Amino acid sequence: MHTAVLRRPPPSSEPQLPQAQELATIALLLDVDGTLLDTAITPGSVVVPRSLRTSLQELHAKSGGALALVSGRLIRDLDALFAPLRLPAIGGHGAEMRVSGSDAAQTRHHAVIDGNLRALVAAAAASDPRVILEDKGSSLAVHYRLAPQLERTLKTRIAAIVERLGIQEIEVMHGKAVIEIKSTLFNKGEAVRQMIKNAPFARRNPVFIGDDTTDISVFDVLPSLGGVGYSVERSLPGAVGTFDSPGDVRCWLASLCGDAGCRRQ
């Protein structure tokens, strides 16, 4: 049996993890890769444990629908991963949103990647077959987990491309073995701010869990929303505590469902 591990910075008066009896007053906002799911060698090789689907389905019901995935993945890809579940979601780093799983995903911003930028980034990624380019329409993700020695080279090349083109309102984010290129017109934090204006998230205290620098925009908005955030594997600015691993996050979610003997998987 395994108990979820949460590390907190001192003092001991830091907020505790929410308990099951609080599900009627909080909104659970959960990053996916590296938070709910163990990081995989490629984006397509992640594994969703059956027990996690069960926990998410039960918590979605117990919270009155106030549970959402907050991801860099597009919502259609989240649906494919968690099928048959269709959960409320923020996708594409905030480019799209769905307040209810029964609704269609709504595009929040129509800004797309410039054709020249797309072509040049694709050419940079094509320089090595181990580098994977993920084109999400509203953003580009260059994954180099299969070739970590190329990190500096890829970062330098992509920075030079963006600078040379001089495209306004474009930002480059550096995550775990990934370089994300997207518009500055949207981010996860502002999407969260918009989502919690809607029922059933409205008038609840958001509880967010994320693992990467691409989640910092959510940690930034939480204080103004009366919420708290927790990071995974490492401390991030604004997080009040840190889970040791995605397995610990899954065990905590299972404990909210009444499973006190979670087996980490």
C-alpha atoms as a PDB file:
ATOM      1  CA  MET A   1       0.000   0.000   0.000  1.00  0.00           C
ATOM      2  CA  HIS A   2       1.110   3.534  -0.677  1.00  0.00           C
ATOM      3  CA  THR A   3       0.269   6.890   0.859  1.00  0.00           C
ATOM      4  CA  ALA A   4       0.617  10.055  -1.226  1.00  0.00           C
ATOM      5  CA  VAL A   5       3.690  12.041  -0.295  1.00  0.00           C
ATOM      6  CA  LEU A   6       3.498  15.818  -0.101  1.00  0.00           C
ATOM      7  CA  ARG A   7       6.467  17.976   0.783  1.00  0.00           C
ATOM      8  CA  ARG A   8       5.777  21.452   2.113  1.00  0.00           C
ATOM      9  CA  PRO A   9       8.058  24.380   2.765  1.00  0.00           C
ATOM     10  CA  PRO A  10       8.038  25.667   6.369  1.00  0.00           C
ATOM     11  CA  PRO A  11       6.204  26.900   8.345  1.00  0.00           C
ATOM     12  CA  SER A  12       3.852  24.098   9.366  1.00  0.00           C
ATOM     13  CA  SER A  13       0.924  26.501   9.036  1.00  0.00           C
ATOM     14  CA  GLU A  14       1.028  26.101   5.247  1.00  0.00           C
ATOM     15  CA  PRO A  15      -2.326  24.958   3.790  1.00  0.00           C
ATOM     16  CA  GLN A  16      -3.033  21.244   4.032  1.00  0.00           C
ATOM     17  CA  LEU A  17      -4.248  19.119   1.142  1.00  0.00           C
ATOM     18  CA  PRO A  18      -8.018  19.426   0.663  1.00  0.00           C
ATOM     19  CA  GLN A  19     -10.082  16.579   2.090  1.00  0.00           C
ATOM     20  CA  ALA A  20     -13.032  14.680   0.621  1.00  0.00           C
ATOM     21  CA  GLN A  21     -15.559  16.733   2.602  1.00  0.00           C
ATOM     22  CA  GLU A  22     -14.366  19.854   0.753  1.00  0.00           C
ATOM     23  CA  LEU A  23     -15.280  18.599  -2.727  1.00  0.00           C
ATOM     24  CA  ALA A  24     -18.460  20.683  -2.693  1.00  0.00           C
ATOM     25  CA  THR A  25     -16.498  23.912  -2.211  1.00  0.00           C
ATOM     26  CA  ILE A  26     -13.370  23.469  -4.342  1.00  0.00           C
ATOM     27  CA  ALA A  27     -12.665  23.213  -8.055  1.00  0.00           C
ATOM     28  CA  LEU A  28     -10.033  20.610  -8.979  1.00  0.00           C
ATOM     29  CA  LEU A  29      -7.821  21.785 -11.853  1.00  0.00           C
ATOM     30  CA  LEU A  30      -5.305  19.183 -12.960  1.00  0.00           C
ATOM     31  CA  ASP A  31      -2.416  19.347 -15.385  1.00  0.00           C
ATOM     32  CA  VAL A  32      -1.920  16.061 -17.268  1.00  0.00           C
ATOM     33  CA  ASP A  33       1.606  15.202 -18.443  1.00  0.00           C
ATOM     34  CA  GLY A  34       4.016  14.949 -15.527  1.00  0.00           C
ATOM     35  CA  THR A  35       1.189  15.579 -13.061  1.00  0.00           C
ATOM     36  CA  LEU A  36      -1.518  12.957 -13.522  1.00  0.00           C
ATOM     37  CA  LEU A  37       0.551  10.844 -15.903  1.00  0.00           C
ATOM     38  CA  ASP A  38       4.144   9.702 -15.667  1.00  0.00           C
ATOM     39  CA  THR A  39       6.338  11.378 -18.256  1.00  0.00           C
ATOM     40  CA  ALA A  40       6.923   9.144 -21.284  1.00  0.00           C
ATOM     41  CA  ILE A  41       9.655   9.092 -23.886  1.00  0.00           C
ATOM     42  CA  THR A  42       7.241  10.481 -26.525  1.00  0.00           C
ATOM     43  CA  PRO A  43       3.907  12.333 -26.201  1.00  0.00           C
ATOM     44  CA  GLY A  44       2.051   9.397 -27.705  1.00  0.00           C
ATOM     45  CA  SER A  45       3.448   6.735 -25.394  1.00  0.00           C
ATOM     46  CA  VAL A  46       1.972   7.930 -22.099  1.00  0.00           C
ATOM     47  CA  VAL A  47      -0.116   5.443 -20.136  1.00  0.00           C
ATOM     48  CA  VAL A  48      -3.408   6.282 -18.397  1.00  0.00           C
ATOM     49  CA  PRO A  49      -3.985   3.813 -15.536  1.00  0.00           C
ATOM     50  CA  ARG A  50      -7.518   2.442 -15.337  1.00  0.00           C
ATOM     51  CA  SER A  51      -7.593   3.398 -11.662  1.00  0.00           C
ATOM     52  CA  LEU A  52      -6.982   7.039 -12.608  1.00  0.00           C
ATOM     53  CA  ARG A  53      -9.948   7.052 -14.974  1.00  0.00           C
ATOM     54  CA  THR A  54     -12.065   5.634 -12.167  1.00  0.00           C
ATOM     55  CA  SER A  55     -10.881   8.297  -9.707  1.00  0.00           C
ATOM     56  CA  LEU A  56     -11.467  11.156 -12.142  1.00  0.00           C
ATOM     57  CA  GLN A  57     -14.930   9.926 -13.028  1.00  0.00           C
ATOM     58  CA  GLU A  58     -15.900   9.588  -9.373  1.00  0.00           C
ATOM     59  CA  LEU A  59     -14.427  12.948  -8.364  1.00  0.00           C
ATOM     60  CA  HIS A  60     -16.114  14.684 -11.282  1.00  0.00           C
ATOM     61  CA  ALA A  61     -19.437  13.386  -9.969  1.00  0.00           C
ATOM     62  CA  LYS A  62     -18.698  14.080  -6.289  1.00  0.00           C
ATOM     63  CA  SER A  63     -17.590  17.646  -7.048  1.00  0.00           C
ATOM     64  CA  GLY A  64     -20.725  18.384  -9.050  1.00  0.00           C
ATOM     65  CA  GLY A  65     -18.708  18.615 -12.261  1.00  0.00           C
ATOM     66  CA  ALA A  66     -16.066  21.019 -10.896  1.00  0.00           C
ATOM     67  CA  LEU A  67     -13.059  19.036 -12.079  1.00  0.00           C
ATOM     68  CA  ALA A  68     -11.111  20.013 -15.177  1.00  0.00           C
ATOM     69  CA  LEU A  69      -7.978  18.980 -17.022  1.00  0.00           C
ATOM     70  CA  VAL A  70      -5.608  21.883 -17.764  1.00  0.00           C
ATOM     71  CA  SER A  71      -3.149  20.851 -20.454  1.00  0.00           C
ATOM     72  CA  GLY A  72      -0.894  21.836 -23.299  1.00  0.00           C
ATOM     73  CA  ARG A  73      -2.520  19.020 -25.258  1.00  0.00           C
ATOM     74  CA  LEU A  74      -5.540  19.804 -27.414  1.00  0.00           C
ATOM     75  CA  ILE A  75      -8.894  18.771 -25.981  1.00  0.00           C
ATOM     76  CA  ARG A  76      -9.471  16.219 -28.728  1.00  0.00           C
ATOM     77  CA  ASP A  77      -6.216  14.524 -27.693  1.00  0.00           C
ATOM     78  CA  LEU A  78      -7.238  14.567 -24.033  1.00  0.00           C
ATOM     79  CA  ASP A  79     -10.520  12.879 -24.972  1.00  0.00           C
ATOM     80  CA  ALA A  80      -8.615  10.187 -26.838  1.00  0.00           C
ATOM     81  CA  LEU A  81      -6.282   9.608 -23.883  1.00  0.00           C
ATOM     82  CA  PHE A  82      -8.984   9.400 -21.216  1.00  0.00           C
ATOM     83  CA  ALA A  83     -11.744   7.756 -23.294  1.00  0.00           C
ATOM     84  CA  PRO A  84     -14.496   7.060 -22.590  1.00  0.00           C
ATOM     85  CA  LEU A  85     -14.270  10.007 -20.149  1.00  0.00           C
ATOM     86  CA  ARG A  86     -15.068  13.483 -21.489  1.00  0.00           C
ATOM     87  CA  LEU A  87     -14.145  15.983 -18.799  1.00  0.00           C
ATOM     88  CA  PRO A  88     -14.200  19.765 -18.609  1.00  0.00           C
ATOM     89  CA  ALA A  89     -10.876  20.898 -20.001  1.00  0.00           C
ATOM     90  CA  ILE A  90      -8.534  23.701 -20.941  1.00  0.00           C
ATOM     91  CA  GLY A  91      -6.440  22.642 -23.918  1.00  0.00           C
ATOM     92  CA  GLY A  92      -3.588  23.954 -26.017  1.00  0.00           C
ATOM     93  CA  HIS A  93      -2.150  26.033 -23.132  1.00  0.00           C
ATOM     94  CA  GLY A  94      -5.401  28.002 -22.950  1.00  0.00           C
ATOM     95  CA  ALA A  95      -6.212  28.255 -26.661  1.00  0.00           C
ATOM     96  CA  GLU A  96      -9.416  26.256 -26.132  1.00  0.00           C
ATOM     97  CA  MET A  97     -11.823  25.465 -23.327  1.00  0.00           C
ATOM     98  CA  ARG A  98     -14.763  23.191 -22.506  1.00  0.00           C
ATOM     99  CA  VAL A  99     -16.704  23.868 -19.316  1.00  0.00           C
ATOM    100  CA  SER A 100     -18.699  20.644 -19.515  1.00  0.00           C
ATOM    101  CA  GLY A 101     -17.753  17.297 -20.992  1.00  0.00           C
ATOM    102  CA  SER A 102     -21.051  17.257 -22.859  1.00  0.00           C
ATOM    103  CA  ASP A 103     -20.169  20.487 -24.700  1.00  0.00           C
ATOM    104  CA  ALA A 104     -18.016  21.019 -27.765  1.00  0.00           C
ATOM    105  CA  ALA A 105     -14.580  22.529 -27.245  1.00  0.00           C
ATOM    106  CA  GLN A 106     -14.595  26.286 -27.808  1.00  0.00           C
ATOM    107  CA  THR A 107     -11.648  28.101 -29.359  1.00  0.00           C
ATOM    108  CA  ARG A 108     -10.728  31.046 -27.147  1.00  0.00           C
ATOM    109  CA  HIS A 109      -8.204  32.563 -29.565  1.00  0.00           C
ATOM    110  CA  HIS A 110      -7.894  32.100 -33.302  1.00  0.00           C
ATOM    111  CA  ALA A 111      -4.266  33.205 -33.439  1.00  0.00           C
ATOM    112  CA  VAL A 112      -2.294  30.612 -35.391  1.00  0.00           C
ATOM    113  CA  ILE A 113       1.377  30.101 -35.982  1.00  0.00           C
ATOM    114  CA  ASP A 114       2.762  32.105 -38.909  1.00  0.00           C
ATOM    115  CA  GLY A 115       3.535  29.926 -41.951  1.00  0.00           C
ATOM    116  CA  ASN A 116       7.158  31.032 -42.152  1.00  0.00           C
ATOM    117  CA  LEU A 117       7.681  30.332 -38.460  1.00  0.00           C
ATOM    118  CA  ARG A 118       6.085  26.912 -38.812  1.00  0.00           C
ATOM    119  CA  ALA A 119       8.283  26.011 -41.787  1.00  0.00           C
ATOM    120  CA  LEU A 120      11.522  27.141 -40.147  1.00  0.00           C
ATOM    121  CA  VAL A 121      10.779  25.373 -36.856  1.00  0.00           C
ATOM    122  CA  ALA A 122       9.857  22.225 -38.782  1.00  0.00           C
ATOM    123  CA  ALA A 123      13.183  22.400 -40.617  1.00  0.00           C
ATOM    124  CA  ALA A 124      15.061  22.795 -37.328  1.00  0.00           C
ATOM    125  CA  ALA A 125      13.252  19.788 -35.851  1.00  0.00           C
ATOM    126  CA  ALA A 126      13.867  17.715 -38.978  1.00  0.00           C
ATOM    127  CA  SER A 127      17.634  18.013 -38.499  1.00  0.00           C
ATOM    128  CA  ASP A 128      17.486  14.921 -36.266  1.00  0.00           C
ATOM    129  CA  PRO A 129      14.918  12.072 -36.505  1.00  0.00           C
ATOM    130  CA  ARG A 130      14.818  11.777 -32.720  1.00  0.00           C
ATOM    131  CA  VAL A 131      13.308  15.264 -32.432  1.00  0.00           C
ATOM    132  CA  ILE A 132       9.493  15.269 -32.587  1.00  0.00           C
ATOM    133  CA  LEU A 133       7.528  18.278 -33.823  1.00  0.00           C
ATOM    134  CA  GLU A 134       3.962  18.486 -32.490  1.00  0.00           C
ATOM    135  CA  ASP A 135       1.879  20.980 -34.480  1.00  0.00           C
ATOM    136  CA  LYS A 136      -1.227  22.004 -32.512  1.00  0.00           C
ATOM    137  CA  GLY A 137      -2.311  24.747 -34.897  1.00  0.00           C
ATOM    138  CA  SER A 138      -2.262  27.419 -32.205  1.00  0.00           C
ATOM    139  CA  SER A 139       1.211  26.382 -31.033  1.00  0.00           C
ATOM    140  CA  LEU A 140       4.229  24.241 -31.851  1.00  0.00           C
ATOM    141  CA  ALA A 141       5.979  21.835 -29.502  1.00  0.00           C
ATOM    142  CA  VAL A 142       9.484  20.568 -30.216  1.00  0.00           C
ATOM    143  CA  HIS A 143      10.171  17.441 -28.126  1.00  0.00           C
ATOM    144  CA  TYR A 144      13.783  16.345 -27.653  1.00  0.00           C
ATOM    145  CA  ARG A 145      13.509  13.759 -24.857  1.00  0.00           C
ATOM    146  CA  LEU A 146      14.961  11.150 -27.224  1.00  0.00           C
ATOM    147  CA  ALA A 147      17.983  13.384 -27.839  1.00  0.00           C
ATOM    148  CA  PRO A 148      18.598  15.457 -24.684  1.00  0.00           C
ATOM    149  CA  GLN A 149      22.077  16.406 -25.903  1.00  0.00           C
ATOM    150  CA  LEU A 150      20.385  18.612 -28.525  1.00  0.00           C
ATOM    151  CA  GLU A 151      18.715  20.851 -25.934  1.00  0.00           C
ATOM    152  CA  ARG A 152      21.087  23.801 -26.253  1.00  0.00           C
ATOM    153  CA  THR A 153      21.281  23.565 -30.037  1.00  0.00           C
ATOM    154  CA  LEU A 154      17.508  23.504 -30.469  1.00  0.00           C
ATOM    155  CA  LYS A 155      16.929  26.339 -28.017  1.00  0.00           C
ATOM    156  CA  THR A 156      19.513  28.463 -29.808  1.00  0.00           C
ATOM    157  CA  ARG A 157      18.111  27.717 -33.263  1.00  0.00           C
ATOM    158  CA  ILE A 158      14.506  28.401 -32.316  1.00  0.00           C
ATOM    159  CA  ALA A 159      15.382  31.610 -30.482  1.00  0.00           C
ATOM    160  CA  ALA A 160      17.262  32.781 -33.569  1.00  0.00           C
ATOM    161  CA  ILE A 161      14.290  31.939 -35.818  1.00  0.00           C
ATOM    162  CA  VAL A 162      11.842  33.898 -33.678  1.00  0.00           C
ATOM    163  CA  GLU A 163      14.216  36.865 -33.450  1.00  0.00           C
ATOM    164  CA  ARG A 164      14.941  36.874 -37.185  1.00  0.00           C
ATOM    165  CA  LEU A 165      11.265  36.825 -38.164  1.00  0.00           C
ATOM    166  CA  GLY A 166      10.423  39.542 -35.653  1.00  0.00           C
ATOM    167  CA  ILE A 167       6.895  38.249 -35.193  1.00  0.00           C
ATOM    168  CA  GLN A 168       5.004  40.151 -32.525  1.00  0.00           C
ATOM    169  CA  GLU A 169       3.104  38.428 -29.697  1.00  0.00           C
ATOM    170  CA  ILE A 170       5.013  35.148 -29.864  1.00  0.00           C
ATOM    171  CA  GLU A 171       6.594  33.520 -26.818  1.00  0.00           C
ATOM    172  CA  VAL A 172       8.946  30.570 -26.441  1.00  0.00           C
ATOM    173  CA  MET A 173       8.444  28.432 -23.317  1.00  0.00           C
ATOM    174  CA  HIS A 174      10.948  25.838 -22.119  1.00  0.00           C
ATOM    175  CA  GLY A 175       9.390  22.829 -20.436  1.00  0.00           C
ATOM    176  CA  LYS A 176      10.646  19.348 -19.581  1.00  0.00           C
ATOM    177  CA  ALA A 177      12.526  18.279 -22.728  1.00  0.00           C
ATOM    178  CA  VAL A 178      10.177  20.382 -24.853  1.00  0.00           C
ATOM    179  CA  ILE A 179      10.209  23.831 -26.435  1.00  0.00           C
ATOM    180  CA  GLU A 180       6.764  25.375 -26.865  1.00  0.00           C
ATOM    181  CA  ILE A 181       6.146  28.230 -29.311  1.00  0.00           C
ATOM    182  CA  LYS A 182       2.804  29.992 -28.985  1.00  0.00           C
ATOM    183  CA  SER A 183       0.993  33.294 -29.069  1.00  0.00           C
ATOM    184  CA  THR A 184       1.164  35.546 -26.010  1.00  0.00           C
ATOM    185  CA  LEU A 185      -2.578  36.201 -26.424  1.00  0.00           C
ATOM    186  CA  PHE A 186      -3.480  33.172 -24.335  1.00  0.00           C
ATOM    187  CA  ASN A 187      -2.101  31.063 -21.498  1.00  0.00           C
ATOM    188  CA  LYS A 188      -3.327  28.514 -18.971  1.00  0.00           C
ATOM    189  CA  GLY A 189      -3.695  31.073 -16.197  1.00  0.00           C
ATOM    190  CA  GLU A 190      -6.038  33.397 -18.064  1.00  0.00           C
ATOM    191  CA  ALA A 191      -8.049  30.407 -19.263  1.00  0.00           C
ATOM    192  CA  VAL A 192      -8.452  29.260 -15.648  1.00  0.00           C
ATOM    193  CA  ARG A 193      -9.567  32.752 -14.700  1.00  0.00           C
ATOM    194  CA  GLN A 194     -12.235  32.560 -17.416  1.00  0.00           C
ATOM    195  CA  MET A 195     -13.331  28.997 -16.619  1.00  0.00           C
ATOM    196  CA  ILE A 196     -14.087  29.619 -12.966  1.00  0.00           C
ATOM    197  CA  LYS A 197     -16.561  32.341 -13.913  1.00  0.00           C
ATOM    198  CA  ASN A 198     -18.810  29.545 -15.170  1.00  0.00           C
ATOM    199  CA  ALA A 199     -20.949  27.038 -13.287  1.00  0.00           C
ATOM    200  CA  PRO A 200     -20.162  24.649 -11.682  1.00  0.00           C
ATOM    201  CA  PHE A 201     -16.712  26.199 -11.067  1.00  0.00           C
ATOM    202  CA  ALA A 202     -18.011  29.626 -10.021  1.00  0.00           C
ATOM    203  CA  ARG A 203     -17.831  30.573  -6.335  1.00  0.00           C
ATOM    204  CA  ARG A 204     -15.458  27.702  -5.565  1.00  0.00           C
ATOM    205  CA  ASN A 205     -11.853  27.804  -4.432  1.00  0.00           C
ATOM    206  CA  PRO A 206      -9.601  26.453  -7.203  1.00  0.00           C
ATOM    207  CA  VAL A 207      -7.033  23.782  -6.316  1.00  0.00           C
ATOM    208  CA  PHE A 208      -4.460  23.382  -9.077  1.00  0.00           C
ATOM    209  CA  ILE A 209      -1.711  20.790  -9.508  1.00  0.00           C
ATOM    210  CA  GLY A 210       1.014  21.271 -12.129  1.00  0.00           C
ATOM    211  CA  ASP A 211       4.580  20.174 -12.711  1.00  0.00           C
ATOM    212  CA  ASP A 212       6.292  22.432 -15.220  1.00  0.00           C
ATOM    213  CA  THR A 213       7.253  26.012 -15.991  1.00  0.00           C
ATOM    214  CA  THR A 214       4.399  26.078 -18.524  1.00  0.00           C
ATOM    215  CA  ASP A 215       2.045  25.915 -15.500  1.00  0.00           C
ATOM    216  CA  ILE A 216       3.418  29.009 -13.769  1.00  0.00           C
ATOM    217  CA  SER A 217       0.758  31.257 -15.324  1.00  0.00           C
ATOM    218  CA  VAL A 218      -1.845  29.294 -13.327  1.00  0.00           C
ATOM    219  CA  PHE A 219       0.108  29.566 -10.075  1.00  0.00           C
ATOM    220  CA  ASP A 220       0.315  33.318 -10.735  1.00  0.00           C
ATOM    221  CA  VAL A 221      -3.479  33.832 -10.845  1.00  0.00           C
ATOM    222  CA  LEU A 222      -4.455  31.529  -7.975  1.00  0.00           C
ATOM    223  CA  PRO A 223      -4.060  34.057  -5.122  1.00  0.00           C
ATOM    224  CA  SER A 224      -6.506  36.472  -6.753  1.00  0.00           C
ATOM    225  CA  LEU A 225      -8.993  33.621  -7.183  1.00  0.00           C
ATOM    226  CA  GLY A 226      -8.783  32.403  -3.595  1.00  0.00           C
ATOM    227  CA  GLY A 227      -7.053  29.230  -4.707  1.00  0.00           C
ATOM    228  CA  VAL A 228      -3.955  27.190  -3.905  1.00  0.00           C
ATOM    229  CA  GLY A 229      -1.532  25.266  -6.077  1.00  0.00           C
ATOM    230  CA  TYR A 230       0.720  22.244  -5.641  1.00  0.00           C
ATOM    231  CA  SER A 231       3.651  21.236  -7.815  1.00  0.00           C
ATOM    232  CA  VAL A 232       5.007  17.784  -8.681  1.00  0.00           C
ATOM    233  CA  GLU A 233       8.596  16.555  -8.283  1.00  0.00           C
ATOM    234  CA  ARG A 234      10.036  20.065  -7.840  1.00  0.00           C
ATOM    235  CA  SER A 235       8.985  23.304  -6.220  1.00  0.00           C
ATOM    236  CA  LEU A 236       7.539  25.949  -8.532  1.00  0.00           C
ATOM    237  CA  PRO A 237       6.868  29.622  -7.749  1.00  0.00           C
ATOM    238  CA  GLY A 238       3.497  29.972  -6.044  1.00  0.00           C
ATOM    239  CA  ALA A 239       3.130  26.320  -5.038  1.00  0.00           C
ATOM    240  CA  VAL A 240       2.330  25.711  -1.354  1.00  0.00           C
ATOM    241  CA  GLY A 241       3.470  22.089  -1.434  1.00  0.00           C
ATOM    242  CA  THR A 242       5.084  19.500  -3.686  1.00  0.00           C
ATOM    243  CA  PHE A 243       4.056  15.943  -4.510  1.00  0.00           C
ATOM    244  CA  ASP A 244       6.984  13.593  -4.981  1.00  0.00           C
ATOM    245  CA  SER A 245       5.608  12.045  -8.171  1.00  0.00           C
ATOM    246  CA  PRO A 246       2.537  11.709 -10.419  1.00  0.00           C
ATOM    247  CA  GLY A 247       1.910   8.412  -8.607  1.00  0.00           C
ATOM    248  CA  ASP A 248       1.472  10.376  -5.395  1.00  0.00           C
ATOM    249  CA  VAL A 249      -1.002  12.702  -7.107  1.00  0.00           C
ATOM    250  CA  ARG A 250      -2.991   9.688  -8.288  1.00  0.00           C
ATOM    251  CA  CYS A 251      -2.971   8.236  -4.769  1.00  0.00           C
ATOM    252  CA  TRP A 252      -4.247  11.495  -3.297  1.00  0.00           C
ATOM    253  CA  LEU A 253      -7.080  11.581  -5.837  1.00  0.00           C
ATOM    254  CA  ALA A 254      -7.901   7.967  -4.964  1.00  0.00           C
ATOM    255  CA  SER A 255      -7.957   8.896  -1.265  1.00  0.00           C
ATOM    256  CA  LEU A 256     -10.567  11.573  -2.003  1.00  0.00           C
ATOM    257  CA  CYS A 257     -12.682   8.733  -3.377  1.00  0.00           C
ATOM    258  CA  GLY A 258     -12.296   6.784  -0.138  1.00  0.00           C
ATOM    259  CA  ASP A 259      -9.427   4.525  -1.219  1.00  0.00           C
ATOM    260  CA  ALA A 260      -7.070   4.658   1.763  1.00  0.00           C
ATOM    261  CA  GLY A 261      -4.879   1.840   0.474  1.00  0.00           C
ATOM    262  CA  CYS A 262      -3.791   3.213  -2.889  1.00  0.00           C
ATOM    263  CA  ARG A 263      -1.139   1.235  -4.712  1.00  0.00           C
ATOM    264  CA  ARG A 264       1.071   3.593  -6.682  1.00  0.00           C
ATOM    265  CA  GLN A 265       1.119   2.715 -10.369  1.00  0.00           C
END
